[in-house]
Amino acid sequence: APVLTLEEALENEHLKARGTYIDDAGAQHCAPAPRFSRTPGKIRPTL
């Protein structure tokens, strides 16, 4: 596998297909992990 920079990882075909990184208000967030079939995680704002 190619050794990707973080910037390249954001554009990687596999990671994009899985939604491993998520654009949230202009910031590239890691998706919640692990993944649940019935009660999935969610990125929540700071309040």
ModelCIF file with pLDDT and N, C-alpha, C, O atoms, coordinates in Angstrom:
data_MODEL
#
_entry.id   MODEL 
#
_entity.id                         1 
_entity.type                       polymer 
_entity.pdbx_number_of_molecules   1 
#
_entity_poly.entity_id                      1 
_entity_poly.type                           'polypeptide(L)' 
_entity_poly.nstd_linkage                   no 
_entity_poly.nstd_monomer                   no 
_entity_poly.pdbx_seq_one_letter_code       APVLTLEEALENEHLKARGTYIDDAGAQHCAPAPRFSRTPGKIRPTL 
_entity_poly.pdbx_seq_one_letter_code_can   APVLTLEEALENEHLKARGTYIDDAGAQHCAPAPRFSRTPGKIRPTL 
_entity_poly.pdbx_strand_id                 A 
#
loop_
_entity_poly_seq.entity_id 
_entity_poly_seq.num 
_entity_poly_seq.mon_id 
_entity_poly_seq.hetero 
1 1  ALA n 
1 2  PRO n 
1 3  VAL n 
1 4  LEU n 
1 5  THR n 
1 6  LEU n 
1 7  GLU n 
1 8  GLU n 
1 9  ALA n 
1 10 LEU n 
1 11 GLU n 
1 12 ASN n 
1 13 GLU n 
1 14 HIS n 
1 15 LEU n 
1 16 LYS n 
1 17 ALA n 
1 18 ARG n 
1 19 GLY n 
1 20 THR n 
1 21 TYR n 
1 22 ILE n 
1 23 ASP n 
1 24 ASP n 
1 25 ALA n 
1 26 GLY n 
1 27 ALA n 
1 28 GLN n 
1 29 HIS n 
1 30 CYS n 
1 31 ALA n 
1 32 PRO n 
1 33 ALA n 
1 34 PRO n 
1 35 ARG n 
1 36 PHE n 
1 37 SER n 
1 38 ARG n 
1 39 THR n 
1 40 PRO n 
1 41 GLY n 
1 42 LYS n 
1 43 ILE n 
1 44 ARG n 
1 45 PRO n 
1 46 THR n 
1 47 LEU n 
#
_struct_asym.id          A 
_struct_asym.entity_id   1 
#
loop_
_ma_qa_metric.id 
_ma_qa_metric.mode 
_ma_qa_metric.name 
_ma_qa_metric.software_group_id 
_ma_qa_metric.type 
1 global pLDDT . pLDDT 
2 local  pLDDT . pLDDT 
#
_ma_qa_metric_global.metric_id      1 
_ma_qa_metric_global.metric_value   95.30 
_ma_qa_metric_global.model_id       1 
_ma_qa_metric_global.ordinal_id     1 
#
loop_
_ma_qa_metric_local.label_asym_id 
_ma_qa_metric_local.label_comp_id 
_ma_qa_metric_local.label_seq_id 
_ma_qa_metric_local.metric_id 
_ma_qa_metric_local.metric_value 
_ma_qa_metric_local.model_id 
_ma_qa_metric_local.ordinal_id 
A ALA 1  2 98.00 1 1  
A PRO 2  2 98.00 1 2  
A VAL 3  2 98.00 1 3  
A LEU 4  2 98.00 1 4  
A THR 5  2 97.00 1 5  
A LEU 6  2 96.00 1 6  
A GLU 7  2 96.00 1 7  
A GLU 8  2 97.00 1 8  
A ALA 9  2 97.00 1 9  
A LEU 10 2 96.00 1 10 
A GLU 11 2 96.00 1 11 
A ASN 12 2 97.00 1 12 
A GLU 13 2 96.00 1 13 
A HIS 14 2 97.00 1 14 
A LEU 15 2 97.00 1 15 
A LYS 16 2 97.00 1 16 
A ALA 17 2 97.00 1 17 
A ARG 18 2 97.00 1 18 
A GLY 19 2 96.00 1 19 
A THR 20 2 97.00 1 20 
A TYR 21 2 97.00 1 21 
A ILE 22 2 95.00 1 22 
A ASP 23 2 92.00 1 23 
A ASP 24 2 89.00 1 24 
A ALA 25 2 83.00 1 25 
A GLY 26 2 85.00 1 26 
A ALA 27 2 87.00 1 27 
A GLN 28 2 93.00 1 28 
A HIS 29 2 96.00 1 29 
A CYS 30 2 97.00 1 30 
A ALA 31 2 97.00 1 31 
A PRO 32 2 97.00 1 32 
A ALA 33 2 97.00 1 33 
A PRO 34 2 96.00 1 34 
A ARG 35 2 97.00 1 35 
A PHE 36 2 97.00 1 36 
A SER 37 2 97.00 1 37 
A ARG 38 2 97.00 1 38 
A THR 39 2 96.00 1 39 
A PRO 40 2 96.00 1 40 
A GLY 41 2 96.00 1 41 
A LYS 42 2 95.00 1 42 
A ILE 43 2 95.00 1 43 
A ARG 44 2 94.00 1 44 
A PRO 45 2 93.00 1 45 
A THR 46 2 93.00 1 46 
A LEU 47 2 94.00 1 47 
#
loop_
_atom_site.group_PDB 
_atom_site.id 
_atom_site.type_symbol 
_atom_site.label_atom_id 
_atom_site.label_alt_id 
_atom_site.label_comp_id 
_atom_site.label_asym_id 
_atom_site.label_entity_id 
_atom_site.label_seq_id 
_atom_site.pdbx_PDB_ins_code 
_atom_site.Cartn_x 
_atom_site.Cartn_y 
_atom_site.Cartn_z 
_atom_site.occupancy 
_atom_site.B_iso_or_equiv 
_atom_site.pdbx_formal_charge 
_atom_site.auth_seq_id 
_atom_site.auth_comp_id 
_atom_site.auth_asym_id 
_atom_site.auth_atom_id 
_atom_site.pdbx_PDB_model_num 
ATOM 1   N N  . ALA A 1 1  ? 0.842   -1.194 0.000  1.00 98.00 ? 1  ALA A N  1 
ATOM 2   C CA . ALA A 1 1  ? 0.000   0.000  0.000  1.00 98.00 ? 1  ALA A CA 1 
ATOM 3   C C  . ALA A 1 1  ? 0.876   1.243  0.000  1.00 98.00 ? 1  ALA A C  1 
ATOM 4   O O  . ALA A 1 1  ? 1.938   1.250  0.624  1.00 98.00 ? 1  ALA A O  1 
ATOM 5   N N  . PRO A 1 2  ? 0.450   2.288  -0.687 1.00 98.00 ? 2  PRO A N  1 
ATOM 6   C CA . PRO A 1 2  ? 1.224   3.531  -0.651 1.00 98.00 ? 2  PRO A CA 1 
ATOM 7   C C  . PRO A 1 2  ? 1.186   4.156  0.729  1.00 98.00 ? 2  PRO A C  1 
ATOM 8   O O  . PRO A 1 2  ? 0.172   4.080  1.422  1.00 98.00 ? 2  PRO A O  1 
ATOM 9   N N  . VAL A 1 3  ? 2.285   4.773  1.130  1.00 98.00 ? 3  VAL A N  1 
ATOM 10  C CA . VAL A 1 3  ? 2.331   5.512  2.395  1.00 98.00 ? 3  VAL A CA 1 
ATOM 11  C C  . VAL A 1 3  ? 1.776   6.905  2.113  1.00 98.00 ? 3  VAL A C  1 
ATOM 12  O O  . VAL A 1 3  ? 2.429   7.721  1.461  1.00 98.00 ? 3  VAL A O  1 
ATOM 13  N N  . LEU A 1 4  ? 0.581   7.168  2.602  1.00 98.00 ? 4  LEU A N  1 
ATOM 14  C CA . LEU A 1 4  ? -0.108  8.421  2.293  1.00 98.00 ? 4  LEU A CA 1 
ATOM 15  C C  . LEU A 1 4  ? 0.120   9.458  3.379  1.00 98.00 ? 4  LEU A C  1 
ATOM 16  O O  . LEU A 1 4  ? 0.219   9.132  4.561  1.00 98.00 ? 4  LEU A O  1 
ATOM 17  N N  . THR A 1 5  ? 0.200   10.712 2.958  1.00 97.00 ? 5  THR A N  1 
ATOM 18  C CA . THR A 1 5  ? 0.142   11.801 3.931  1.00 97.00 ? 5  THR A CA 1 
ATOM 19  C C  . THR A 1 5  ? -1.294  11.914 4.423  1.00 97.00 ? 5  THR A C  1 
ATOM 20  O O  . THR A 1 5  ? -2.201  11.335 3.824  1.00 97.00 ? 5  THR A O  1 
ATOM 21  N N  . LEU A 1 6  ? -1.509  12.648 5.500  1.00 96.00 ? 6  LEU A N  1 
ATOM 22  C CA . LEU A 1 6  ? -2.872  12.817 5.999  1.00 96.00 ? 6  LEU A CA 1 
ATOM 23  C C  . LEU A 1 6  ? -3.746  13.463 4.942  1.00 96.00 ? 6  LEU A C  1 
ATOM 24  O O  . LEU A 1 6  ? -4.910  13.093 4.785  1.00 96.00 ? 6  LEU A O  1 
ATOM 25  N N  . GLU A 1 7  ? -3.196  14.425 4.219  1.00 96.00 ? 7  GLU A N  1 
ATOM 26  C CA . GLU A 1 7  ? -3.972  15.093 3.159  1.00 96.00 ? 7  GLU A CA 1 
ATOM 27  C C  . GLU A 1 7  ? -4.366  14.095 2.069  1.00 96.00 ? 7  GLU A C  1 
ATOM 28  O O  . GLU A 1 7  ? -5.482  14.142 1.552  1.00 96.00 ? 7  GLU A O  1 
ATOM 29  N N  . GLU A 1 8  ? -3.455  13.203 1.729  1.00 97.00 ? 8  GLU A N  1 
ATOM 30  C CA . GLU A 1 8  ? -3.775  12.190 0.721  1.00 97.00 ? 8  GLU A CA 1 
ATOM 31  C C  . GLU A 1 8  ? -4.776  11.181 1.256  1.00 97.00 ? 8  GLU A C  1 
ATOM 32  O O  . GLU A 1 8  ? -5.631  10.707 0.509  1.00 97.00 ? 8  GLU A O  1 
ATOM 33  N N  . ALA A 1 9  ? -4.685  10.846 2.535  1.00 97.00 ? 9  ALA A N  1 
ATOM 34  C CA . ALA A 1 9  ? -5.609  9.886  3.129  1.00 97.00 ? 9  ALA A CA 1 
ATOM 35  C C  . ALA A 1 9  ? -7.051  10.389 3.046  1.00 97.00 ? 9  ALA A C  1 
ATOM 36  O O  . ALA A 1 9  ? -7.986  9.607  2.876  1.00 97.00 ? 9  ALA A O  1 
ATOM 37  N N  . LEU A 1 10 ? -7.211  11.696 3.166  1.00 96.00 ? 10 LEU A N  1 
ATOM 38  C CA . LEU A 1 10 ? -8.567  12.267 3.096  1.00 96.00 ? 10 LEU A CA 1 
ATOM 39  C C  . LEU A 1 10 ? -9.216  12.017 1.737  1.00 96.00 ? 10 LEU A C  1 
ATOM 40  O O  . LEU A 1 10 ? -10.441 11.995 1.620  1.00 96.00 ? 10 LEU A O  1 
ATOM 41  N N  . GLU A 1 11 ? -8.384  11.831 0.713  1.00 96.00 ? 11 GLU A N  1 
ATOM 42  C CA . GLU A 1 11 ? -8.892  11.626 -0.644 1.00 96.00 ? 11 GLU A CA 1 
ATOM 43  C C  . GLU A 1 11 ? -8.801  10.166 -1.086 1.00 96.00 ? 11 GLU A C  1 
ATOM 44  O O  . GLU A 1 11 ? -9.118  9.855  -2.234 1.00 96.00 ? 11 GLU A O  1 
ATOM 45  N N  . ASN A 1 12 ? -8.381  9.278  -0.208 1.00 97.00 ? 12 ASN A N  1 
ATOM 46  C CA . ASN A 1 12 ? -8.220  7.880  -0.570 1.00 97.00 ? 12 ASN A CA 1 
ATOM 47  C C  . ASN A 1 12 ? -9.565  7.243  -0.905 1.00 97.00 ? 12 ASN A C  1 
ATOM 48  O O  . ASN A 1 12 ? -10.550 7.445  -0.195 1.00 97.00 ? 12 ASN A O  1 
ATOM 49  N N  . GLU A 1 13 ? -9.598  6.479  -1.983 1.00 96.00 ? 13 GLU A N  1 
ATOM 50  C CA . GLU A 1 13 ? -10.841 5.898  -2.479 1.00 96.00 ? 13 GLU A CA 1 
ATOM 51  C C  . GLU A 1 13 ? -11.523 5.013  -1.441 1.00 96.00 ? 13 GLU A C  1 
ATOM 52  O O  . GLU A 1 13 ? -12.737 5.095  -1.252 1.00 96.00 ? 13 GLU A O  1 
ATOM 53  N N  . HIS A 1 14 ? -10.749 4.173  -0.775 1.00 97.00 ? 14 HIS A N  1 
ATOM 54  C CA . HIS A 1 14 ? -11.334 3.257  0.207  1.00 97.00 ? 14 HIS A CA 1 
ATOM 55  C C  . HIS A 1 14 ? -11.887 4.009  1.416  1.00 97.00 ? 14 HIS A C  1 
ATOM 56  O O  . HIS A 1 14 ? -12.996 3.734  1.875  1.00 97.00 ? 14 HIS A O  1 
ATOM 57  N N  . LEU A 1 15 ? -11.099 4.966  1.928  1.00 97.00 ? 15 LEU A N  1 
ATOM 58  C CA . LEU A 1 15 ? -11.540 5.709  3.102  1.00 97.00 ? 15 LEU A CA 1 
ATOM 59  C C  . LEU A 1 15 ? -12.743 6.589  2.783  1.00 97.00 ? 15 LEU A C  1 
ATOM 60  O O  . LEU A 1 15 ? -13.624 6.775  3.623  1.00 97.00 ? 15 LEU A O  1 
ATOM 61  N N  . LYS A 1 16 ? -12.776 7.126  1.570  1.00 97.00 ? 16 LYS A N  1 
ATOM 62  C CA . LYS A 1 16 ? -13.945 7.925  1.171  1.00 97.00 ? 16 LYS A CA 1 
ATOM 63  C C  . LYS A 1 16 ? -15.184 7.043  1.050  1.00 97.00 ? 16 LYS A C  1 
ATOM 64  O O  . LYS A 1 16 ? -16.278 7.449  1.442  1.00 97.00 ? 16 LYS A O  1 
ATOM 65  N N  . ALA A 1 17 ? -15.016 5.838  0.507  1.00 97.00 ? 17 ALA A N  1 
ATOM 66  C CA . ALA A 1 17 ? -16.151 4.927  0.354  1.00 97.00 ? 17 ALA A CA 1 
ATOM 67  C C  . ALA A 1 17 ? -16.732 4.551  1.716  1.00 97.00 ? 17 ALA A C  1 
ATOM 68  O O  . ALA A 1 17 ? -17.947 4.406  1.852  1.00 97.00 ? 17 ALA A O  1 
ATOM 69  N N  . ARG A 1 18 ? -15.871 4.390  2.728  1.00 97.00 ? 18 ARG A N  1 
ATOM 70  C CA . ARG A 1 18 ? -16.330 4.031  4.070  1.00 97.00 ? 18 ARG A CA 1 
ATOM 71  C C  . ARG A 1 18 ? -16.749 5.243  4.892  1.00 97.00 ? 18 ARG A C  1 
ATOM 72  O O  . ARG A 1 18 ? -17.382 5.094  5.937  1.00 97.00 ? 18 ARG A O  1 
ATOM 73  N N  . GLY A 1 19 ? -16.398 6.457  4.423  1.00 96.00 ? 19 GLY A N  1 
ATOM 74  C CA . GLY A 1 19 ? -16.689 7.634  5.228  1.00 96.00 ? 19 GLY A CA 1 
ATOM 75  C C  . GLY A 1 19 ? -15.834 7.688  6.472  1.00 96.00 ? 19 GLY A C  1 
ATOM 76  O O  . GLY A 1 19 ? -16.290 8.128  7.527  1.00 96.00 ? 19 GLY A O  1 
ATOM 77  N N  . THR A 1 20 ? -14.585 7.242  6.355  1.00 97.00 ? 20 THR A N  1 
ATOM 78  C CA . THR A 1 20 ? -13.680 7.227  7.506  1.00 97.00 ? 20 THR A CA 1 
ATOM 79  C C  . THR A 1 20 ? -13.372 8.628  7.994  1.00 97.00 ? 20 THR A C  1 
ATOM 80  O O  . THR A 1 20 ? -13.198 8.851  9.192  1.00 97.00 ? 20 THR A O  1 
ATOM 81  N N  . TYR A 1 21 ? -13.306 9.568  7.072  1.00 97.00 ? 21 TYR A N  1 
ATOM 82  C CA . TYR A 1 21 ? -13.151 10.982 7.417  1.00 97.00 ? 21 TYR A CA 1 
ATOM 83  C C  . TYR A 1 21 ? -14.398 11.722 6.961  1.00 97.00 ? 21 TYR A C  1 
ATOM 84  O O  . TYR A 1 21 ? -14.937 11.452 5.888  1.00 97.00 ? 21 TYR A O  1 
ATOM 85  N N  . ILE A 1 22 ? -14.847 12.652 7.782  1.00 95.00 ? 22 ILE A N  1 
ATOM 86  C CA . ILE A 1 22 ? -16.088 13.380 7.524  1.00 95.00 ? 22 ILE A CA 1 
ATOM 87  C C  . ILE A 1 22 ? -15.817 14.874 7.610  1.00 95.00 ? 22 ILE A C  1 
ATOM 88  O O  . ILE A 1 22 ? -15.201 15.346 8.565  1.00 95.00 ? 22 ILE A O  1 
ATOM 89  N N  . ASP A 1 23 ? -16.277 15.614 6.615  1.00 92.00 ? 23 ASP A N  1 
ATOM 90  C CA . ASP A 1 23 ? -16.175 17.071 6.657  1.00 92.00 ? 23 ASP A CA 1 
ATOM 91  C C  . ASP A 1 23 ? -17.309 17.604 7.530  1.00 92.00 ? 23 ASP A C  1 
ATOM 92  O O  . ASP A 1 23 ? -18.487 17.434 7.217  1.00 92.00 ? 23 ASP A O  1 
ATOM 93  N N  . ASP A 1 24 ? -16.932 18.244 8.616  1.00 89.00 ? 24 ASP A N  1 
ATOM 94  C CA . ASP A 1 24 ? -17.922 18.800 9.529  1.00 89.00 ? 24 ASP A CA 1 
ATOM 95  C C  . ASP A 1 24 ? -17.571 20.258 9.784  1.00 89.00 ? 24 ASP A C  1 
ATOM 96  O O  . ASP A 1 24 ? -16.595 20.560 10.470 1.00 89.00 ? 24 ASP A O  1 
ATOM 97  N N  . ALA A 1 25 ? -18.364 21.151 9.234  1.00 83.00 ? 25 ALA A N  1 
ATOM 98  C CA . ALA A 1 25 ? -18.144 22.596 9.384  1.00 83.00 ? 25 ALA A CA 1 
ATOM 99  C C  . ALA A 1 25 ? -16.737 23.004 8.938  1.00 83.00 ? 25 ALA A C  1 
ATOM 100 O O  . ALA A 1 25 ? -16.099 23.859 9.551  1.00 83.00 ? 25 ALA A O  1 
ATOM 101 N N  . GLY A 1 26 ? -16.273 22.377 7.865  1.00 85.00 ? 26 GLY A N  1 
ATOM 102 C CA . GLY A 1 26 ? -14.969 22.747 7.308  1.00 85.00 ? 26 GLY A CA 1 
ATOM 103 C C  . GLY A 1 26 ? -13.792 22.024 7.908  1.00 85.00 ? 26 GLY A C  1 
ATOM 104 O O  . GLY A 1 26 ? -12.672 22.169 7.418  1.00 85.00 ? 26 GLY A O  1 
ATOM 105 N N  . ALA A 1 27 ? -14.007 21.242 8.963  1.00 87.00 ? 27 ALA A N  1 
ATOM 106 C CA . ALA A 1 27 ? -12.919 20.470 9.582  1.00 87.00 ? 27 ALA A CA 1 
ATOM 107 C C  . ALA A 1 27 ? -13.064 19.008 9.179  1.00 87.00 ? 27 ALA A C  1 
ATOM 108 O O  . ALA A 1 27 ? -14.172 18.475 9.117  1.00 87.00 ? 27 ALA A O  1 
ATOM 109 N N  . GLN A 1 28 ? -11.930 18.369 8.906  1.00 93.00 ? 28 GLN A N  1 
ATOM 110 C CA . GLN A 1 28 ? -11.947 16.964 8.521  1.00 93.00 ? 28 GLN A CA 1 
ATOM 111 C C  . GLN A 1 28 ? -11.874 16.096 9.771  1.00 93.00 ? 28 GLN A C  1 
ATOM 112 O O  . GLN A 1 28 ? -10.813 15.934 10.374 1.00 93.00 ? 28 GLN A O  1 
ATOM 113 N N  . HIS A 1 29 ? -13.022 15.545 10.145 1.00 96.00 ? 29 HIS A N  1 
ATOM 114 C CA . HIS A 1 29 ? -13.121 14.746 11.363 1.00 96.00 ? 29 HIS A CA 1 
ATOM 115 C C  . HIS A 1 29 ? -12.960 13.262 11.053 1.00 96.00 ? 29 HIS A C  1 
ATOM 116 O O  . HIS A 1 29 ? -13.365 12.797 9.988  1.00 96.00 ? 29 HIS A O  1 
ATOM 117 N N  . CYS A 1 30 ? -12.370 12.524 11.982 1.00 97.00 ? 30 CYS A N  1 
ATOM 118 C CA . CYS A 1 30 ? -12.444 11.074 11.923 1.00 97.00 ? 30 CYS A CA 1 
ATOM 119 C C  . CYS A 1 30 ? -13.859 10.666 12.295 1.00 97.00 ? 30 CYS A C  1 
ATOM 120 O O  . CYS A 1 30 ? -14.456 11.242 13.205 1.00 97.00 ? 30 CYS A O  1 
ATOM 121 N N  . ALA A 1 31 ? -14.390 9.684  11.601 1.00 97.00 ? 31 ALA A N  1 
ATOM 122 C CA . ALA A 1 31 ? -15.736 9.214  11.892 1.00 97.00 ? 31 ALA A CA 1 
ATOM 123 C C  . ALA A 1 31 ? -15.757 8.483  13.232 1.00 97.00 ? 31 ALA A C  1 
ATOM 124 O O  . ALA A 1 31 ? -14.743 7.905  13.625 1.00 97.00 ? 31 ALA A O  1 
ATOM 125 N N  . PRO A 1 32 ? -16.882 8.494  13.942 1.00 97.00 ? 32 PRO A N  1 
ATOM 126 C CA . PRO A 1 32 ? -16.978 7.713  15.179 1.00 97.00 ? 32 PRO A CA 1 
ATOM 127 C C  . PRO A 1 32 ? -16.656 6.247  14.933 1.00 97.00 ? 32 PRO A C  1 
ATOM 128 O O  . PRO A 1 32 ? -17.052 5.679  13.915 1.00 97.00 ? 32 PRO A O  1 
ATOM 129 N N  . ALA A 1 33 ? -15.945 5.646  15.856 1.00 97.00 ? 33 ALA A N  1 
ATOM 130 C CA . ALA A 1 33 ? -15.549 4.254  15.726 1.00 97.00 ? 33 ALA A CA 1 
ATOM 131 C C  . ALA A 1 33 ? -15.631 3.578  17.094 1.00 97.00 ? 33 ALA A C  1 
ATOM 132 O O  . ALA A 1 33 ? -15.402 4.232  18.112 1.00 97.00 ? 33 ALA A O  1 
ATOM 133 N N  . PRO A 1 34 ? -15.954 2.285  17.141 1.00 96.00 ? 34 PRO A N  1 
ATOM 134 C CA . PRO A 1 34 ? -16.311 1.435  16.014 1.00 96.00 ? 34 PRO A CA 1 
ATOM 135 C C  . PRO A 1 34 ? -17.725 1.716  15.527 1.00 96.00 ? 34 PRO A C  1 
ATOM 136 O O  . PRO A 1 34 ? -18.396 2.608  16.046 1.00 96.00 ? 34 PRO A O  1 
ATOM 137 N N  . ARG A 1 35 ? -18.178 0.962  14.536 1.00 97.00 ? 35 ARG A N  1 
ATOM 138 C CA . ARG A 1 35 ? -19.481 1.209  13.926 1.00 97.00 ? 35 ARG A CA 1 
ATOM 139 C C  . ARG A 1 35 ? -20.518 0.209  14.429 1.00 97.00 ? 35 ARG A C  1 
ATOM 140 O O  . ARG A 1 35 ? -20.241 -0.981 14.587 1.00 97.00 ? 35 ARG A O  1 
ATOM 141 N N  . PHE A 1 36 ? -21.697 0.719  14.670 1.00 97.00 ? 36 PHE A N  1 
ATOM 142 C CA . PHE A 1 36 ? -22.784 -0.102 15.203 1.00 97.00 ? 36 PHE A CA 1 
ATOM 143 C C  . PHE A 1 36 ? -23.914 -0.182 14.186 1.00 97.00 ? 36 PHE A C  1 
ATOM 144 O O  . PHE A 1 36 ? -24.218 0.804  13.514 1.00 97.00 ? 36 PHE A O  1 
ATOM 145 N N  . SER A 1 37 ? -24.534 -1.344 14.070 1.00 97.00 ? 37 SER A N  1 
ATOM 146 C CA . SER A 1 37 ? -25.588 -1.524 13.071 1.00 97.00 ? 37 SER A CA 1 
ATOM 147 C C  . SER A 1 37 ? -26.888 -0.837 13.465 1.00 97.00 ? 37 SER A C  1 
ATOM 148 O O  . SER A 1 37 ? -27.621 -0.347 12.606 1.00 97.00 ? 37 SER A O  1 
ATOM 149 N N  . ARG A 1 38 ? -27.175 -0.802 14.774 1.00 97.00 ? 38 ARG A N  1 
ATOM 150 C CA . ARG A 1 38 ? -28.460 -0.273 15.227 1.00 97.00 ? 38 ARG A CA 1 
ATOM 151 C C  . ARG A 1 38 ? -28.356 1.084  15.892 1.00 97.00 ? 38 ARG A C  1 
ATOM 152 O O  . ARG A 1 38 ? -29.271 1.900  15.776 1.00 97.00 ? 38 ARG A O  1 
ATOM 153 N N  . THR A 1 39 ? -27.267 1.339  16.580 1.00 96.00 ? 39 THR A N  1 
ATOM 154 C CA . THR A 1 39 ? -27.100 2.609  17.298 1.00 96.00 ? 39 THR A CA 1 
ATOM 155 C C  . THR A 1 39 ? -25.787 3.279  16.876 1.00 96.00 ? 39 THR A C  1 
ATOM 156 O O  . THR A 1 39 ? -24.846 3.343  17.666 1.00 96.00 ? 39 THR A O  1 
ATOM 157 N N  . PRO A 1 40 ? -25.720 3.769  15.661 1.00 96.00 ? 40 PRO A N  1 
ATOM 158 C CA . PRO A 1 40 ? -24.450 4.328  15.175 1.00 96.00 ? 40 PRO A CA 1 
ATOM 159 C C  . PRO A 1 40 ? -24.034 5.570  15.946 1.00 96.00 ? 40 PRO A C  1 
ATOM 160 O O  . PRO A 1 40 ? -24.870 6.314  16.459 1.00 96.00 ? 40 PRO A O  1 
ATOM 161 N N  . GLY A 1 41 ? -22.708 5.782  16.017 1.00 96.00 ? 41 GLY A N  1 
ATOM 162 C CA . GLY A 1 41 ? -22.181 6.988  16.635 1.00 96.00 ? 41 GLY A CA 1 
ATOM 163 C C  . GLY A 1 41 ? -22.442 8.213  15.779 1.00 96.00 ? 41 GLY A C  1 
ATOM 164 O O  . GLY A 1 41 ? -22.850 8.109  14.622 1.00 96.00 ? 41 GLY A O  1 
ATOM 165 N N  . LYS A 1 42 ? -22.203 9.364  16.363 1.00 95.00 ? 42 LYS A N  1 
ATOM 166 C CA . LYS A 1 42 ? -22.499 10.611 15.663 1.00 95.00 ? 42 LYS A CA 1 
ATOM 167 C C  . LYS A 1 42 ? -21.553 11.695 16.149 1.00 95.00 ? 42 LYS A C  1 
ATOM 168 O O  . LYS A 1 42 ? -21.278 11.802 17.345 1.00 95.00 ? 42 LYS A O  1 
ATOM 169 N N  . ILE A 1 43 ? -21.057 12.499 15.218 1.00 95.00 ? 43 ILE A N  1 
ATOM 170 C CA . ILE A 1 43 ? -20.252 13.653 15.591 1.00 95.00 ? 43 ILE A CA 1 
ATOM 171 C C  . ILE A 1 43 ? -21.175 14.738 16.132 1.00 95.00 ? 43 ILE A C  1 
ATOM 172 O O  . ILE A 1 43 ? -22.107 15.174 15.456 1.00 95.00 ? 43 ILE A O  1 
ATOM 173 N N  . ARG A 1 44 ? -20.904 15.159 17.346 1.00 94.00 ? 44 ARG A N  1 
ATOM 174 C CA . ARG A 1 44 ? -21.739 16.165 17.994 1.00 94.00 ? 44 ARG A CA 1 
ATOM 175 C C  . ARG A 1 44 ? -20.924 17.430 18.229 1.00 94.00 ? 44 ARG A C  1 
ATOM 176 O O  . ARG A 1 44 ? -19.717 17.352 18.457 1.00 94.00 ? 44 ARG A O  1 
ATOM 177 N N  . PRO A 1 45 ? -21.562 18.588 18.178 1.00 93.00 ? 45 PRO A N  1 
ATOM 178 C CA . PRO A 1 45 ? -20.832 19.841 18.382 1.00 93.00 ? 45 PRO A CA 1 
ATOM 179 C C  . PRO A 1 45 ? -20.470 20.061 19.841 1.00 93.00 ? 45 PRO A C  1 
ATOM 180 O O  . PRO A 1 45 ? -21.003 19.394 20.727 1.00 93.00 ? 45 PRO A O  1 
ATOM 181 N N  . THR A 1 46 ? -19.581 20.979 20.084 1.00 93.00 ? 46 THR A N  1 
ATOM 182 C CA . THR A 1 46 ? -19.256 21.417 21.441 1.00 93.00 ? 46 THR A CA 1 
ATOM 183 C C  . THR A 1 46 ? -20.196 22.561 21.808 1.00 93.00 ? 46 THR A C  1 
ATOM 184 O O  . THR A 1 46 ? -20.327 23.529 21.059 1.00 93.00 ? 46 THR A O  1 
ATOM 185 N N  . LEU A 1 47 ? -20.849 22.447 22.964 1.00 94.00 ? 47 LEU A N  1 
ATOM 186 C CA . LEU A 1 47 ? -21.889 23.396 23.335 1.00 94.00 ? 47 LEU A CA 1 
ATOM 187 C C  . LEU A 1 47 ? -21.633 23.981 24.716 1.00 94.00 ? 47 LEU A C  1 
ATOM 188 O O  . LEU A 1 47 ? -22.415 24.804 25.192 1.00 94.00 ? 47 LEU A O  1 
#
